[in-house]
Amino acid sequence: MLHYLQNMFHALDLESLEDAALRLAAVLLCLTVHETCHGLAACALGDPTAKSRRRLSLNPLRHIDWFGLLMMFAVGFGWAKPVPVDPRYFKRPKEGMALTALAGPVSNLLLASLAIGISKVIYLFGYYHPVLDAVFTFCLYILAPLSVGLGLFNLLPIPPLDGAKVLGALLPDEAYFRVMRYERYGMLALILLSFTGVGSGLMNWGIMTVYSGLFNLFY
């Protein structure tokens, strides 16, 4: 059945208006959950900055960077507004930043698991209805793989991605701050990688591997 699902996923007609709307909804949901969980983690560790800036919200308008959203649809790589974090509130700043950063990708993997779980419930107990069919397609074929992709992509150890901050917790202070100084160049490198497609095969393999693993947990 997994082979069948893979074929269905690759055969989706994302050029249709309905599929484009579902994909946009999935992108907004993934980014919103990702950024909100950054803020929640920082708040739990003692930093009230995100809360004071009203970023602990599931309202996507508080998190969306419209140019970043456009880039995600244009080249497959985009971004939201970064949640403001002040590491001075953390007892251990590097570790606090790492945990705050890690909360985003972890939330995406949990969201993917929830989406696949919802699809399984519909598969087992649902009856055919256009709305249920749309929810099933959205959860299993669009939201889950997209959320896995966003989570894995952000784990790459390239500034300004979350993986760089997680890696930073393992580096000496001098090396950590040296890496963070090149954050602006990291963004240019990521855009270049997206346009050239370098590493896309490995990333696609990682997404399908994790997606398949989550699928096997439920089906």
N, C-alpha and C. Protein backbone atom coordinates (compact mmCIF):
# COMPACT_ATOMS: atom_id res chain seq x y z
N MET A 1 0.82 -1.22 0.00
CA MET A 1 0.00 0.00 0.00
C MET A 1 0.85 1.26 0.00
N LEU A 2 2.03 1.18 0.63
CA LEU A 2 2.89 2.36 0.70
C LEU A 2 3.32 2.78 -0.71
N HIS A 3 3.63 1.79 -1.58
CA HIS A 3 4.01 2.11 -2.96
C HIS A 3 2.86 2.84 -3.66
N TYR A 4 1.65 2.39 -3.40
CA TYR A 4 0.48 3.05 -3.97
C TYR A 4 0.36 4.49 -3.50
N LEU A 5 0.61 4.70 -2.20
CA LEU A 5 0.53 6.05 -1.64
C LEU A 5 1.60 6.96 -2.23
N GLN A 6 2.80 6.41 -2.43
CA GLN A 6 3.87 7.21 -3.03
C GLN A 6 3.48 7.66 -4.43
N ASN A 7 2.90 6.74 -5.21
CA ASN A 7 2.48 7.08 -6.56
C ASN A 7 1.38 8.13 -6.54
N MET A 8 0.45 8.00 -5.60
CA MET A 8 -0.62 8.98 -5.48
C MET A 8 -0.07 10.36 -5.11
N PHE A 9 0.91 10.37 -4.19
CA PHE A 9 1.49 11.63 -3.74
C PHE A 9 2.17 12.35 -4.91
N HIS A 10 2.93 11.60 -5.72
CA HIS A 10 3.65 12.22 -6.84
C HIS A 10 2.71 12.59 -7.98
N ALA A 11 1.53 11.98 -8.01
CA ALA A 11 0.59 12.24 -9.10
C ALA A 11 -0.37 13.38 -8.79
N LEU A 12 -0.28 13.97 -7.63
CA LEU A 12 -1.19 15.05 -7.29
C LEU A 12 -1.05 16.21 -8.28
N ASP A 13 -2.17 16.72 -8.72
CA ASP A 13 -2.17 17.84 -9.65
C ASP A 13 -2.22 19.14 -8.87
N LEU A 14 -1.05 19.65 -8.50
CA LEU A 14 -0.99 20.85 -7.68
C LEU A 14 -1.26 22.12 -8.49
N GLU A 15 -1.49 21.98 -9.78
CA GLU A 15 -1.80 23.14 -10.61
C GLU A 15 -3.28 23.48 -10.56
N SER A 16 -4.09 22.57 -10.08
CA SER A 16 -5.50 22.87 -9.98
C SER A 16 -5.74 23.83 -8.82
N LEU A 17 -6.82 24.56 -8.91
CA LEU A 17 -7.13 25.56 -7.90
C LEU A 17 -7.32 24.93 -6.53
N GLU A 18 -8.00 23.79 -6.49
CA GLU A 18 -8.26 23.13 -5.21
C GLU A 18 -6.96 22.68 -4.55
N ASP A 19 -6.10 22.03 -5.33
CA ASP A 19 -4.85 21.54 -4.77
C ASP A 19 -3.94 22.70 -4.34
N ALA A 20 -3.96 23.79 -5.12
CA ALA A 20 -3.16 24.95 -4.76
C ALA A 20 -3.64 25.55 -3.44
N ALA A 21 -4.97 25.59 -3.25
CA ALA A 21 -5.52 26.12 -2.00
C ALA A 21 -5.15 25.22 -0.82
N LEU A 22 -5.21 23.90 -1.03
CA LEU A 22 -4.84 22.96 0.04
C LEU A 22 -3.36 23.10 0.37
N ARG A 23 -2.53 23.27 -0.64
CA ARG A 23 -1.09 23.40 -0.41
C ARG A 23 -0.79 24.70 0.35
N LEU A 24 -1.47 25.77 -0.01
CA LEU A 24 -1.28 27.04 0.69
C LEU A 24 -1.69 26.89 2.15
N ALA A 25 -2.83 26.24 2.40
CA ALA A 25 -3.29 26.03 3.78
C ALA A 25 -2.26 25.22 4.56
N ALA A 26 -1.68 24.19 3.93
CA ALA A 26 -0.69 23.36 4.60
C ALA A 26 0.56 24.15 4.93
N VAL A 27 1.02 24.99 3.99
CA VAL A 27 2.20 25.82 4.24
C VAL A 27 1.96 26.76 5.41
N LEU A 28 0.82 27.43 5.41
CA LEU A 28 0.50 28.36 6.49
C LEU A 28 0.43 27.64 7.84
N LEU A 29 -0.18 26.46 7.86
CA LEU A 29 -0.30 25.71 9.11
C LEU A 29 1.06 25.25 9.60
N CYS A 30 1.90 24.72 8.69
CA CYS A 30 3.23 24.25 9.08
C CYS A 30 4.09 25.38 9.64
N LEU A 31 4.10 26.50 8.94
CA LEU A 31 4.92 27.63 9.39
C LEU A 31 4.40 28.21 10.70
N THR A 32 3.08 28.29 10.83
CA THR A 32 2.49 28.85 12.05
C THR A 32 2.81 27.99 13.26
N VAL A 33 2.62 26.68 13.14
CA VAL A 33 2.94 25.78 14.25
C VAL A 33 4.43 25.84 14.57
N HIS A 34 5.26 25.85 13.55
CA HIS A 34 6.71 25.90 13.73
C HIS A 34 7.13 27.13 14.54
N GLU A 35 6.67 28.30 14.11
CA GLU A 35 7.09 29.54 14.78
C GLU A 35 6.46 29.67 16.17
N THR A 36 5.21 29.27 16.30
CA THR A 36 4.56 29.34 17.61
C THR A 36 5.29 28.49 18.63
N CYS A 37 5.74 27.30 18.21
CA CYS A 37 6.45 26.41 19.14
C CYS A 37 7.83 26.95 19.50
N HIS A 38 8.47 27.67 18.59
CA HIS A 38 9.69 28.39 18.97
C HIS A 38 9.40 29.32 20.14
N GLY A 39 8.34 30.09 19.99
CA GLY A 39 7.99 31.05 21.04
C GLY A 39 7.59 30.38 22.33
N LEU A 40 6.84 29.30 22.25
CA LEU A 40 6.43 28.58 23.46
C LEU A 40 7.63 28.00 24.19
N ALA A 41 8.59 27.46 23.44
CA ALA A 41 9.79 26.91 24.06
C ALA A 41 10.59 27.99 24.76
N ALA A 42 10.76 29.13 24.07
CA ALA A 42 11.50 30.24 24.67
C ALA A 42 10.81 30.73 25.94
N CYS A 43 9.48 30.83 25.88
CA CYS A 43 8.72 31.28 27.04
C CYS A 43 8.87 30.31 28.20
N ALA A 44 8.84 29.02 27.91
CA ALA A 44 8.99 28.00 28.95
C ALA A 44 10.38 28.06 29.59
N LEU A 45 11.35 28.53 28.83
CA LEU A 45 12.72 28.63 29.35
C LEU A 45 13.00 29.98 30.00
N GLY A 46 11.98 30.84 30.07
CA GLY A 46 12.12 32.09 30.80
C GLY A 46 12.17 33.35 29.96
N ASP A 47 12.07 33.24 28.65
CA ASP A 47 12.14 34.42 27.79
C ASP A 47 10.73 34.86 27.40
N PRO A 48 10.26 36.02 27.86
CA PRO A 48 8.89 36.46 27.57
C PRO A 48 8.78 37.27 26.28
N THR A 49 9.87 37.39 25.51
CA THR A 49 9.88 38.28 24.35
C THR A 49 8.80 37.92 23.34
N ALA A 50 8.72 36.66 22.95
CA ALA A 50 7.72 36.25 21.96
C ALA A 50 6.30 36.51 22.46
N LYS A 51 6.08 36.25 23.73
CA LYS A 51 4.75 36.49 24.30
C LYS A 51 4.40 37.97 24.28
N SER A 52 5.37 38.82 24.62
CA SER A 52 5.12 40.26 24.63
C SER A 52 4.92 40.81 23.22
N ARG A 53 5.47 40.14 22.23
CA ARG A 53 5.29 40.56 20.83
C ARG A 53 4.08 39.88 20.18
N ARG A 54 3.30 39.15 20.97
CA ARG A 54 2.08 38.48 20.51
C ARG A 54 2.37 37.44 19.43
N ARG A 55 3.47 36.71 19.63
CA ARG A 55 3.83 35.67 18.67
C ARG A 55 3.46 34.27 19.16
N LEU A 56 2.87 34.17 20.35
CA LEU A 56 2.37 32.87 20.81
C LEU A 56 0.94 32.72 20.31
N SER A 57 0.80 32.66 19.02
CA SER A 57 -0.52 32.69 18.40
C SER A 57 -0.56 31.73 17.22
N LEU A 58 -1.73 31.12 17.00
CA LEU A 58 -1.94 30.28 15.84
C LEU A 58 -2.56 31.06 14.68
N ASN A 59 -2.54 32.38 14.80
CA ASN A 59 -2.96 33.24 13.69
C ASN A 59 -1.80 33.37 12.71
N PRO A 60 -1.91 32.81 11.51
CA PRO A 60 -0.77 32.83 10.58
C PRO A 60 -0.33 34.23 10.20
N LEU A 61 -1.21 35.21 10.27
CA LEU A 61 -0.83 36.57 9.89
C LEU A 61 0.22 37.15 10.82
N ARG A 62 0.36 36.61 12.03
CA ARG A 62 1.38 37.09 12.96
C ARG A 62 2.75 36.52 12.65
N HIS A 63 2.80 35.53 11.77
CA HIS A 63 4.07 34.83 11.53
C HIS A 63 4.55 34.89 10.08
N ILE A 64 3.66 35.21 9.15
CA ILE A 64 4.00 35.05 7.75
C ILE A 64 4.85 36.22 7.24
N ASP A 65 5.94 35.87 6.57
CA ASP A 65 6.71 36.81 5.77
C ASP A 65 6.27 36.57 4.32
N TRP A 66 5.64 37.55 3.71
CA TRP A 66 4.99 37.32 2.42
C TRP A 66 6.00 37.02 1.31
N PHE A 67 7.16 37.64 1.38
CA PHE A 67 8.18 37.32 0.38
C PHE A 67 8.70 35.91 0.59
N GLY A 68 8.90 35.53 1.84
CA GLY A 68 9.33 34.17 2.15
C GLY A 68 8.31 33.15 1.70
N LEU A 69 7.02 33.47 1.84
CA LEU A 69 5.96 32.57 1.39
C LEU A 69 5.99 32.44 -0.12
N LEU A 70 6.20 33.55 -0.82
CA LEU A 70 6.29 33.52 -2.28
C LEU A 70 7.47 32.67 -2.73
N MET A 71 8.61 32.80 -2.04
CA MET A 71 9.79 32.02 -2.39
C MET A 71 9.55 30.52 -2.19
N MET A 72 8.77 30.18 -1.18
CA MET A 72 8.49 28.77 -0.94
C MET A 72 7.74 28.15 -2.11
N PHE A 73 6.81 28.91 -2.70
CA PHE A 73 6.07 28.39 -3.84
C PHE A 73 6.89 28.48 -5.12
N ALA A 74 7.78 29.48 -5.21
CA ALA A 74 8.53 29.69 -6.44
C ALA A 74 9.70 28.71 -6.57
N VAL A 75 10.45 28.52 -5.48
CA VAL A 75 11.67 27.69 -5.56
C VAL A 75 11.70 26.56 -4.55
N GLY A 76 10.64 26.44 -3.74
CA GLY A 76 10.61 25.36 -2.76
C GLY A 76 11.33 25.66 -1.47
N PHE A 77 11.80 26.89 -1.30
CA PHE A 77 12.49 27.29 -0.08
C PHE A 77 11.96 28.65 0.34
N GLY A 78 11.46 28.73 1.56
CA GLY A 78 10.93 30.00 2.04
C GLY A 78 11.09 30.12 3.54
N TRP A 79 10.47 31.11 4.10
CA TRP A 79 10.65 31.36 5.54
C TRP A 79 9.48 32.17 6.08
N ALA A 80 9.35 32.16 7.39
CA ALA A 80 8.38 33.00 8.09
C ALA A 80 9.14 34.08 8.85
N LYS A 81 8.40 34.96 9.51
CA LYS A 81 9.05 35.95 10.35
C LYS A 81 9.70 35.24 11.54
N PRO A 82 10.98 35.44 11.78
CA PRO A 82 11.62 34.77 12.92
C PRO A 82 10.99 35.22 14.24
N VAL A 83 10.75 34.28 15.12
CA VAL A 83 10.25 34.63 16.45
C VAL A 83 11.37 35.30 17.23
N PRO A 84 11.11 36.47 17.82
CA PRO A 84 12.17 37.14 18.58
C PRO A 84 12.51 36.37 19.85
N VAL A 85 13.79 36.14 20.04
CA VAL A 85 14.29 35.42 21.22
C VAL A 85 15.44 36.20 21.82
N ASP A 86 15.42 36.39 23.11
CA ASP A 86 16.49 37.08 23.83
C ASP A 86 17.20 36.08 24.73
N PRO A 87 18.37 35.58 24.31
CA PRO A 87 19.04 34.54 25.10
C PRO A 87 19.51 35.00 26.47
N ARG A 88 19.47 36.30 26.73
CA ARG A 88 19.89 36.79 28.05
C ARG A 88 18.95 36.33 29.15
N TYR A 89 17.74 35.95 28.77
CA TYR A 89 16.80 35.43 29.76
C TYR A 89 17.09 33.98 30.14
N PHE A 90 17.86 33.29 29.33
CA PHE A 90 18.12 31.87 29.59
C PHE A 90 19.25 31.71 30.61
N LYS A 91 19.10 30.74 31.49
CA LYS A 91 20.17 30.46 32.45
C LYS A 91 21.43 30.00 31.73
N ARG A 92 21.25 29.22 30.68
CA ARG A 92 22.37 28.75 29.85
C ARG A 92 22.02 29.12 28.41
N PRO A 93 22.53 30.28 27.94
CA PRO A 93 22.08 30.84 26.66
C PRO A 93 22.21 29.90 25.47
N LYS A 94 23.35 29.25 25.29
CA LYS A 94 23.52 28.38 24.13
C LYS A 94 22.55 27.21 24.16
N GLU A 95 22.43 26.58 25.32
CA GLU A 95 21.51 25.45 25.43
C GLU A 95 20.06 25.91 25.26
N GLY A 96 19.75 27.09 25.81
CA GLY A 96 18.41 27.64 25.65
C GLY A 96 18.07 27.92 24.20
N MET A 97 19.02 28.48 23.47
CA MET A 97 18.81 28.74 22.05
C MET A 97 18.64 27.43 21.28
N ALA A 98 19.41 26.42 21.65
CA ALA A 98 19.31 25.13 20.96
C ALA A 98 17.94 24.49 21.18
N LEU A 99 17.46 24.50 22.42
CA LEU A 99 16.16 23.91 22.72
C LEU A 99 15.03 24.70 22.04
N THR A 100 15.16 26.02 22.04
CA THR A 100 14.17 26.86 21.38
C THR A 100 14.14 26.56 19.88
N ALA A 101 15.32 26.43 19.29
CA ALA A 101 15.41 26.13 17.86
C ALA A 101 14.86 24.74 17.55
N LEU A 102 15.18 23.77 18.39
CA LEU A 102 14.76 22.39 18.15
C LEU A 102 13.24 22.23 18.23
N ALA A 103 12.59 23.11 19.00
CA ALA A 103 11.13 23.00 19.16
C ALA A 103 10.40 23.13 17.83
N GLY A 104 10.94 23.92 16.90
CA GLY A 104 10.29 24.11 15.61
C GLY A 104 10.24 22.83 14.79
N PRO A 105 11.39 22.23 14.46
CA PRO A 105 11.37 20.98 13.70
C PRO A 105 10.60 19.84 14.40
N VAL A 106 10.74 19.75 15.72
CA VAL A 106 10.02 18.70 16.45
C VAL A 106 8.51 18.90 16.29
N SER A 107 8.07 20.14 16.35
CA SER A 107 6.64 20.41 16.21
C SER A 107 6.14 20.01 14.83
N ASN A 108 6.98 20.17 13.81
CA ASN A 108 6.58 19.77 12.46
C ASN A 108 6.45 18.26 12.33
N LEU A 109 7.35 17.52 12.97
CA LEU A 109 7.24 16.06 12.93
C LEU A 109 6.01 15.59 13.70
N LEU A 110 5.70 16.27 14.81
CA LEU A 110 4.49 15.92 15.56
C LEU A 110 3.24 16.27 14.76
N LEU A 111 3.28 17.40 14.06
CA LEU A 111 2.14 17.79 13.23
C LEU A 111 1.92 16.77 12.11
N ALA A 112 3.01 16.31 11.50
CA ALA A 112 2.91 15.29 10.46
C ALA A 112 2.30 14.01 11.02
N SER A 113 2.72 13.62 12.22
CA SER A 113 2.17 12.43 12.86
C SER A 113 0.68 12.60 13.11
N LEU A 114 0.28 13.77 13.59
CA LEU A 114 -1.14 14.04 13.84
C LEU A 114 -1.93 13.97 12.55
N ALA A 115 -1.38 14.53 11.47
CA ALA A 115 -2.08 14.53 10.18
C ALA A 115 -2.29 13.11 9.67
N ILE A 116 -1.24 12.28 9.78
CA ILE A 116 -1.37 10.89 9.33
C ILE A 116 -2.37 10.14 10.22
N GLY A 117 -2.34 10.44 11.54
CA GLY A 117 -3.30 9.81 12.45
C GLY A 117 -4.73 10.17 12.10
N ILE A 118 -4.97 11.42 11.75
CA ILE A 118 -6.32 11.84 11.36
C ILE A 118 -6.76 11.12 10.08
N SER A 119 -5.82 10.98 9.15
CA SER A 119 -6.16 10.27 7.91
C SER A 119 -6.52 8.82 8.19
N LYS A 120 -5.83 8.22 9.15
CA LYS A 120 -6.13 6.82 9.49
C LYS A 120 -7.53 6.70 10.11
N VAL A 121 -7.91 7.64 10.95
CA VAL A 121 -9.24 7.63 11.54
C VAL A 121 -10.30 7.73 10.45
N ILE A 122 -10.07 8.63 9.48
CA ILE A 122 -11.03 8.77 8.38
C ILE A 122 -11.07 7.48 7.56
N TYR A 123 -9.91 6.89 7.34
CA TYR A 123 -9.81 5.65 6.56
C TYR A 123 -10.58 4.51 7.23
N LEU A 124 -10.51 4.44 8.56
CA LEU A 124 -11.13 3.34 9.27
C LEU A 124 -12.62 3.54 9.52
N PHE A 125 -12.99 4.75 9.88
CA PHE A 125 -14.35 4.98 10.37
C PHE A 125 -15.18 5.92 9.49
N GLY A 126 -14.55 6.54 8.54
CA GLY A 126 -15.29 7.50 7.72
C GLY A 126 -16.07 6.82 6.62
N TYR A 127 -17.06 7.50 6.12
CA TYR A 127 -17.80 7.07 4.93
C TYR A 127 -17.51 8.10 3.85
N TYR A 128 -17.76 7.71 2.61
CA TYR A 128 -17.39 8.63 1.54
C TYR A 128 -18.23 9.89 1.58
N HIS A 129 -17.52 11.00 1.60
CA HIS A 129 -18.12 12.32 1.56
C HIS A 129 -17.07 13.26 0.99
N PRO A 130 -17.46 14.18 0.12
CA PRO A 130 -16.46 15.06 -0.49
C PRO A 130 -15.59 15.81 0.52
N VAL A 131 -16.18 16.24 1.64
CA VAL A 131 -15.40 16.97 2.65
C VAL A 131 -14.39 16.04 3.32
N LEU A 132 -14.86 14.85 3.72
CA LEU A 132 -13.95 13.89 4.35
C LEU A 132 -12.84 13.47 3.39
N ASP A 133 -13.19 13.32 2.12
CA ASP A 133 -12.19 12.96 1.12
C ASP A 133 -11.14 14.05 0.99
N ALA A 134 -11.57 15.31 1.03
CA ALA A 134 -10.64 16.43 0.95
C ALA A 134 -9.73 16.49 2.18
N VAL A 135 -10.32 16.24 3.37
CA VAL A 135 -9.52 16.23 4.59
C VAL A 135 -8.49 15.11 4.57
N PHE A 136 -8.92 13.94 4.10
CA PHE A 136 -8.00 12.79 3.99
C PHE A 136 -6.84 13.11 3.07
N THR A 137 -7.14 13.66 1.90
CA THR A 137 -6.09 14.02 0.94
C THR A 137 -5.17 15.08 1.52
N PHE A 138 -5.77 16.08 2.14
CA PHE A 138 -4.98 17.17 2.72
C PHE A 138 -4.02 16.66 3.78
N CYS A 139 -4.52 15.84 4.69
CA CYS A 139 -3.70 15.37 5.81
C CYS A 139 -2.59 14.42 5.35
N LEU A 140 -2.93 13.44 4.53
CA LEU A 140 -1.99 12.38 4.20
C LEU A 140 -1.04 12.74 3.07
N TYR A 141 -1.54 13.42 2.05
CA TYR A 141 -0.73 13.65 0.85
C TYR A 141 -0.11 15.03 0.77
N ILE A 142 -0.61 15.99 1.55
CA ILE A 142 -0.09 17.36 1.45
C ILE A 142 0.53 17.81 2.77
N LEU A 143 -0.29 17.84 3.84
CA LEU A 143 0.19 18.37 5.11
C LEU A 143 1.33 17.54 5.70
N ALA A 144 1.16 16.22 5.75
CA ALA A 144 2.17 15.37 6.39
C ALA A 144 3.53 15.44 5.71
N PRO A 145 3.64 15.21 4.38
CA PRO A 145 4.96 15.29 3.76
C PRO A 145 5.55 16.69 3.79
N LEU A 146 4.71 17.72 3.66
CA LEU A 146 5.21 19.09 3.71
C LEU A 146 5.76 19.41 5.10
N SER A 147 5.07 18.98 6.13
CA SER A 147 5.51 19.24 7.50
C SER A 147 6.82 18.50 7.80
N VAL A 148 6.92 17.25 7.31
CA VAL A 148 8.17 16.50 7.46
C VAL A 148 9.30 17.23 6.75
N GLY A 149 9.02 17.70 5.54
CA GLY A 149 10.04 18.41 4.78
C GLY A 149 10.52 19.67 5.46
N LEU A 150 9.58 20.44 6.00
CA LEU A 150 9.96 21.68 6.70
C LEU A 150 10.79 21.37 7.94
N GLY A 151 10.39 20.33 8.67
CA GLY A 151 11.12 19.96 9.87
C GLY A 151 12.54 19.51 9.56
N LEU A 152 12.71 18.64 8.57
CA LEU A 152 14.04 18.15 8.21
C LEU A 152 14.90 19.25 7.62
N PHE A 153 14.31 20.08 6.78
CA PHE A 153 15.08 21.18 6.18
C PHE A 153 15.65 22.10 7.25
N ASN A 154 14.85 22.40 8.26
CA ASN A 154 15.30 23.31 9.31
C ASN A 154 16.35 22.68 10.22
N LEU A 155 16.52 21.37 10.14
CA LEU A 155 17.56 20.71 10.94
C LEU A 155 18.93 20.76 10.27
N LEU A 156 18.99 21.26 9.02
CA LEU A 156 20.30 21.41 8.38
C LEU A 156 21.16 22.39 9.19
N PRO A 157 22.42 22.06 9.44
CA PRO A 157 23.27 22.92 10.28
C PRO A 157 23.86 24.10 9.52
N ILE A 158 22.98 24.87 8.87
CA ILE A 158 23.39 26.04 8.10
C ILE A 158 22.67 27.25 8.67
N PRO A 159 23.39 28.26 9.16
CA PRO A 159 22.71 29.47 9.64
C PRO A 159 21.91 30.08 8.49
N PRO A 160 20.70 30.60 8.73
CA PRO A 160 20.05 30.80 10.03
C PRO A 160 19.09 29.67 10.42
N LEU A 161 19.22 28.49 9.84
CA LEU A 161 18.31 27.40 10.14
C LEU A 161 18.48 26.92 11.57
N ASP A 162 17.46 26.25 12.07
CA ASP A 162 17.46 25.79 13.46
C ASP A 162 18.60 24.82 13.75
N GLY A 163 18.98 24.03 12.76
CA GLY A 163 20.04 23.06 12.97
C GLY A 163 21.36 23.70 13.35
N ALA A 164 21.61 24.92 12.86
CA ALA A 164 22.85 25.62 13.21
C ALA A 164 22.88 25.98 14.69
N LYS A 165 21.73 26.36 15.23
CA LYS A 165 21.66 26.70 16.65
C LYS A 165 21.76 25.45 17.53
N VAL A 166 21.20 24.35 17.04
CA VAL A 166 21.34 23.10 17.78
C VAL A 166 22.79 22.66 17.80
N LEU A 167 23.44 22.73 16.64
CA LEU A 167 24.86 22.40 16.56
C LEU A 167 25.69 23.32 17.44
N GLY A 168 25.28 24.58 17.52
CA GLY A 168 26.02 25.56 18.30
C GLY A 168 26.14 25.19 19.76
N ALA A 169 25.15 24.48 20.29
CA ALA A 169 25.20 24.08 21.69
C ALA A 169 26.33 23.10 21.95
N LEU A 170 26.81 22.44 20.89
CA LEU A 170 27.88 21.46 21.04
C LEU A 170 29.25 22.07 20.77
N LEU A 171 29.29 23.30 20.31
CA LEU A 171 30.56 23.94 19.95
C LEU A 171 31.08 24.81 21.09
N PRO A 172 32.39 25.02 21.16
CA PRO A 172 32.93 26.01 22.09
C PRO A 172 32.38 27.39 21.77
N ASP A 173 32.36 28.27 22.76
CA ASP A 173 31.78 29.60 22.57
C ASP A 173 32.38 30.33 21.38
N GLU A 174 33.68 30.30 21.24
CA GLU A 174 34.35 31.02 20.16
C GLU A 174 33.88 30.51 18.79
N ALA A 175 33.81 29.19 18.65
CA ALA A 175 33.36 28.61 17.38
C ALA A 175 31.89 28.92 17.13
N TYR A 176 31.09 28.90 18.19
CA TYR A 176 29.66 29.18 18.06
C TYR A 176 29.43 30.59 17.51
N PHE A 177 30.07 31.59 18.11
CA PHE A 177 29.86 32.96 17.67
C PHE A 177 30.46 33.21 16.29
N ARG A 178 31.48 32.46 15.94
CA ARG A 178 32.05 32.57 14.60
C ARG A 178 31.06 32.07 13.56
N VAL A 179 30.40 30.95 13.88
CA VAL A 179 29.39 30.41 12.96
C VAL A 179 28.22 31.38 12.81
N MET A 180 27.76 31.96 13.92
CA MET A 180 26.62 32.86 13.88
C MET A 180 26.92 34.15 13.12
N ARG A 181 28.19 34.54 13.03
CA ARG A 181 28.55 35.74 12.29
C ARG A 181 28.30 35.58 10.80
N TYR A 182 28.26 34.34 10.34
CA TYR A 182 28.06 34.08 8.92
C TYR A 182 26.61 33.78 8.58
N GLU A 183 25.70 34.15 9.48
CA GLU A 183 24.30 33.83 9.29
C GLU A 183 23.75 34.44 8.01
N ARG A 184 24.12 35.68 7.71
CA ARG A 184 23.58 36.35 6.53
C ARG A 184 24.01 35.64 5.24
N TYR A 185 25.23 35.10 5.26
CA TYR A 185 25.72 34.38 4.07
C TYR A 185 25.06 33.00 3.96
N GLY A 186 24.65 32.46 5.08
CA GLY A 186 23.95 31.18 5.06
C GLY A 186 22.66 31.28 4.28
N MET A 187 21.93 32.39 4.42
CA MET A 187 20.69 32.57 3.68
C MET A 187 20.94 32.58 2.18
N LEU A 188 22.00 33.27 1.76
CA LEU A 188 22.35 33.29 0.34
C LEU A 188 22.71 31.89 -0.15
N ALA A 189 23.42 31.14 0.68
CA ALA A 189 23.80 29.78 0.32
C ALA A 189 22.56 28.90 0.15
N LEU A 190 21.58 29.07 1.04
CA LEU A 190 20.36 28.27 0.96
C LEU A 190 19.56 28.59 -0.31
N ILE A 191 19.48 29.87 -0.65
CA ILE A 191 18.78 30.25 -1.88
C ILE A 191 19.49 29.67 -3.10
N LEU A 192 20.82 29.71 -3.09
CA LEU A 192 21.60 29.16 -4.19
C LEU A 192 21.38 27.65 -4.31
N LEU A 193 21.39 26.97 -3.18
CA LEU A 193 21.16 25.52 -3.18
C LEU A 193 19.77 25.19 -3.72
N SER A 194 18.78 26.03 -3.37
CA SER A 194 17.43 25.78 -3.84
C SER A 194 17.32 25.95 -5.34
N PHE A 195 17.99 26.96 -5.90
CA PHE A 195 17.93 27.20 -7.33
C PHE A 195 18.69 26.13 -8.11
N THR A 196 19.82 25.67 -7.57
CA THR A 196 20.64 24.70 -8.30
C THR A 196 20.18 23.26 -8.07
N GLY A 197 19.46 23.03 -6.98
CA GLY A 197 19.00 21.68 -6.70
C GLY A 197 20.05 20.78 -6.07
N VAL A 198 21.18 21.36 -5.67
CA VAL A 198 22.24 20.57 -5.03
C VAL A 198 21.72 20.01 -3.70
N GLY A 199 21.86 18.73 -3.51
CA GLY A 199 21.41 18.09 -2.28
C GLY A 199 19.93 17.76 -2.23
N SER A 200 19.20 18.10 -3.31
CA SER A 200 17.75 17.86 -3.29
C SER A 200 17.43 16.36 -3.26
N GLY A 201 18.26 15.56 -3.94
CA GLY A 201 18.03 14.12 -3.93
C GLY A 201 18.12 13.53 -2.54
N LEU A 202 19.15 13.96 -1.79
CA LEU A 202 19.32 13.47 -0.43
C LEU A 202 18.19 13.96 0.47
N MET A 203 17.77 15.21 0.29
CA MET A 203 16.67 15.74 1.09
C MET A 203 15.37 15.01 0.79
N ASN A 204 15.11 14.77 -0.50
CA ASN A 204 13.89 14.04 -0.86
C ASN A 204 13.90 12.63 -0.28
N TRP A 205 15.08 11.99 -0.28
CA TRP A 205 15.19 10.67 0.31
C TRP A 205 14.88 10.72 1.80
N GLY A 206 15.42 11.73 2.49
CA GLY A 206 15.17 11.87 3.92
C GLY A 206 13.70 12.10 4.22
N ILE A 207 13.05 12.95 3.41
CA ILE A 207 11.63 13.22 3.62
C ILE A 207 10.80 11.95 3.43
N MET A 208 11.07 11.22 2.33
CA MET A 208 10.29 10.01 2.08
C MET A 208 10.55 8.95 3.13
N THR A 209 11.81 8.87 3.63
CA THR A 209 12.13 7.88 4.66
C THR A 209 11.37 8.16 5.95
N VAL A 210 11.39 9.42 6.40
CA VAL A 210 10.69 9.78 7.63
C VAL A 210 9.19 9.67 7.44
N TYR A 211 8.70 10.14 6.30
CA TYR A 211 7.27 10.05 6.00
C TYR A 211 6.81 8.60 6.00
N SER A 212 7.60 7.73 5.38
CA SER A 212 7.26 6.31 5.33
C SER A 212 7.26 5.70 6.74
N GLY A 213 8.24 6.11 7.54
CA GLY A 213 8.31 5.60 8.91
C GLY A 213 7.09 6.01 9.73
N LEU A 214 6.68 7.28 9.60
CA LEU A 214 5.49 7.73 10.32
C LEU A 214 4.24 7.03 9.78
N PHE A 215 4.18 6.87 8.46
CA PHE A 215 3.04 6.16 7.87
C PHE A 215 2.92 4.75 8.42
N ASN A 216 4.05 4.07 8.53
CA ASN A 216 4.03 2.67 9.02
C ASN A 216 3.61 2.57 10.48
N LEU A 217 3.72 3.66 11.22
CA LEU A 217 3.29 3.65 12.61
C LEU A 217 1.76 3.60 12.72
N PHE A 218 1.09 4.09 11.68
CA PHE A 218 -0.36 4.20 11.74
C PHE A 218 -1.08 3.21 10.84
N TYR A 219 -0.44 2.82 9.72
CA TYR A 219 -1.11 1.96 8.75
C TYR A 219 -0.52 0.56 8.73
